[in-house]
């Protein structure tokens, strides 16, 4: 018996909802990434890195925790941090307690770039997501996303 013999297949409605979720997530992410790059020169991932650093204690995070925070692989994070370093927005510092570990640290220039990009980005998020929903739908969406984020 293969694992496929015991699968509870998605109903037609479930399949439709699943595909709609994938399309909406992909479209929103693509549009926000394109808008950010056009307006600020930052990708959506880079913006997320700057936001995470700005919200962290001391505006610094261990690289492995930052990768989890912005939901990217460690190798992709390393590439993005290298780009942000070249832009002067982030610097890396070795961890005193772990010779193999590094901190990513937000610079003043990175904070300024984030502040400059934030207003337009938030307006686009509002336009593409929250303005299309009623307050009740936002409440339900929050509940659904909370359920889906749980392990």
Protein backbone atom coordinates (compact mmCIF):
# COMPACT_ATOMS: atom_id res chain seq x y z
CA UNK A 1 0.00 0.00 0.00
CA UNK A 2 1.39 3.42 -0.92
CA UNK A 3 0.82 6.63 1.01
CA UNK A 4 -1.38 7.78 -1.85
CA UNK A 5 -3.93 5.08 -1.05
CA UNK A 6 -4.76 6.71 2.28
CA UNK A 7 -4.80 10.36 1.21
CA UNK A 8 -7.97 12.28 1.91
CA UNK A 9 -8.12 14.23 -1.34
CA UNK A 10 -9.25 17.84 -1.39
CA UNK A 11 -12.84 18.44 -2.34
CA UNK A 12 -13.50 20.62 -5.36
CA UNK A 13 -14.23 23.56 -3.07
CA UNK A 14 -11.09 22.97 -0.98
CA UNK A 15 -8.98 22.75 -4.15
CA UNK A 16 -10.46 26.03 -5.38
CA UNK A 17 -9.79 27.77 -2.04
CA UNK A 18 -6.22 26.39 -1.92
CA UNK A 19 -5.40 27.60 -5.43
CA UNK A 20 -6.98 30.97 -4.73
CA UNK A 21 -4.81 31.33 -1.62
CA UNK A 22 -1.67 30.53 -3.63
CA UNK A 23 -2.60 32.97 -6.42
CA UNK A 24 -3.48 35.79 -4.01
CA UNK A 25 -0.29 35.35 -1.96
CA UNK A 26 1.87 35.25 -5.09
CA UNK A 27 0.17 38.26 -6.69
CA UNK A 28 0.32 40.39 -3.55
CA UNK A 29 3.96 39.51 -2.91
CA UNK A 30 4.94 40.23 -6.53
CA UNK A 31 3.12 43.56 -6.61
CA UNK A 32 4.56 44.71 -3.29
CA UNK A 33 8.07 43.65 -4.32
CA UNK A 34 7.80 45.49 -7.64
CA UNK A 35 6.44 48.64 -5.95
CA UNK A 36 9.17 48.65 -3.30
CA UNK A 37 11.93 48.17 -5.85
CA UNK A 38 10.57 50.93 -8.05
CA UNK A 39 10.06 53.39 -5.18
CA UNK A 40 12.99 52.62 -2.87
CA UNK A 41 15.38 50.23 -4.60
CA UNK A 42 14.66 47.62 -1.91
CA UNK A 43 13.22 44.18 -2.50
CA UNK A 44 10.40 42.95 -0.28
CA UNK A 45 12.85 40.61 1.47
CA UNK A 46 15.34 43.45 2.04
CA UNK A 47 12.57 45.64 3.42
CA UNK A 48 11.57 42.80 5.74
CA UNK A 49 15.16 42.48 6.92
CA UNK A 50 15.33 46.18 7.73
CA UNK A 51 11.99 46.03 9.56
CA UNK A 52 13.08 43.02 11.62
CA UNK A 53 16.35 44.72 12.55
CA UNK A 54 14.58 47.99 13.41
CA UNK A 55 12.26 46.12 15.81
CA UNK A 56 15.01 44.04 17.46
CA UNK A 57 16.78 44.92 20.71
CA UNK A 58 19.72 47.13 19.82
CA UNK A 59 18.63 47.01 16.16
CA UNK A 60 20.64 43.81 15.76
CA UNK A 61 19.84 40.13 15.28
CA UNK A 62 21.78 36.92 14.95
CA UNK A 63 21.85 35.92 11.31
CA UNK A 64 20.15 32.57 11.95
CA UNK A 65 17.29 34.26 13.83
CA UNK A 66 16.96 36.91 11.14
CA UNK A 67 16.62 34.20 8.48
CA UNK A 68 13.73 32.70 10.46
CA UNK A 69 12.18 36.13 10.98
CA UNK A 70 12.03 36.98 7.27
CA UNK A 71 11.35 33.37 6.20
CA UNK A 72 14.34 32.88 3.90
CA UNK A 73 17.12 30.34 3.72
CA UNK A 74 20.43 31.17 5.39
CA UNK A 75 22.13 31.32 1.98
CA UNK A 76 19.55 33.76 0.60
CA UNK A 77 19.83 35.87 3.75
CA UNK A 78 23.62 35.99 3.34
CA UNK A 79 23.16 37.23 -0.24
CA UNK A 80 20.63 39.88 0.83
CA UNK A 81 22.76 41.04 3.76
CA UNK A 82 25.77 41.38 1.43
CA UNK A 83 23.68 43.60 -0.87
CA UNK A 84 22.40 45.67 2.07
CA UNK A 85 25.98 46.05 3.35
CA UNK A 86 27.06 47.40 -0.03
CA UNK A 87 24.21 49.89 0.18
CA UNK A 88 25.39 50.92 3.66
CA UNK A 89 22.13 49.84 5.32
CA UNK A 90 23.44 46.93 7.40
CA UNK A 91 26.76 45.81 8.83
CA UNK A 92 27.85 42.42 10.10
CA UNK A 93 29.58 41.98 13.42
CA UNK A 94 31.06 38.76 14.79
CA UNK A 95 29.37 37.30 17.87
CA UNK A 96 31.67 37.38 20.88
CA UNK A 97 30.18 34.17 22.32
CA UNK A 98 30.16 32.19 19.05
CA UNK A 99 33.11 32.54 16.68
CA UNK A 100 31.07 31.14 13.79
CA UNK A 101 28.05 33.39 14.37
CA UNK A 102 27.39 36.93 13.18
CA UNK A 103 25.07 39.75 14.07
CA UNK A 104 23.32 41.76 11.39
CA UNK A 105 23.13 45.36 12.60
CA UNK A 106 20.97 48.15 11.19
CA UNK A 107 22.95 51.28 10.35
CA UNK A 108 21.67 54.85 10.57
CA UNK A 109 21.51 54.87 6.75
CA UNK A 110 19.46 51.67 6.85
CA UNK A 111 17.06 53.21 9.36
CA UNK A 112 16.67 56.25 7.13
CA UNK A 113 16.07 54.07 4.05
CA UNK A 114 13.45 52.09 5.95
CA UNK A 115 11.72 55.26 7.12
CA UNK A 116 11.70 56.61 3.56
CA UNK A 117 10.24 53.38 2.14
CA UNK A 118 7.75 52.63 4.92
CA UNK A 119 5.02 55.19 4.19
CA UNK A 120 4.63 54.16 0.55
CA UNK A 121 4.89 50.46 1.33
CA UNK A 122 2.24 50.60 4.05
CA UNK A 123 -0.05 52.51 1.69
CA UNK A 124 0.37 49.75 -0.92
CA UNK A 125 -0.30 47.01 1.66
CA UNK A 126 -3.43 48.85 2.74
CA UNK A 127 -4.54 49.33 -0.89
CA UNK A 128 -3.86 45.73 -1.95
CA UNK A 129 -5.15 43.95 1.16
CA UNK A 130 -6.99 45.81 3.89
CA UNK A 131 -8.98 48.28 1.79
CA UNK A 132 -10.51 45.32 -0.06
CA UNK A 133 -11.82 43.73 3.14
CA UNK A 134 -14.50 44.67 5.64
CA UNK A 135 -13.49 44.95 9.31
CA UNK A 136 -15.19 41.59 9.93
CA UNK A 137 -13.20 39.99 7.10
CA UNK A 138 -9.95 41.39 8.56
CA UNK A 139 -10.89 39.80 11.90
CA UNK A 140 -11.59 36.44 10.26
CA UNK A 141 -8.43 36.65 8.16
CA UNK A 142 -6.40 37.24 11.32
CA UNK A 143 -7.97 34.20 12.94
CA UNK A 144 -7.39 32.05 9.86
CA UNK A 145 -3.77 33.15 9.53
CA UNK A 146 -3.19 32.48 13.23
CA UNK A 147 -4.53 28.94 12.79
CA UNK A 148 -2.38 28.36 9.69
CA UNK A 149 0.80 29.67 11.33
CA UNK A 150 0.61 27.20 14.22
CA UNK A 151 2.90 24.19 13.78
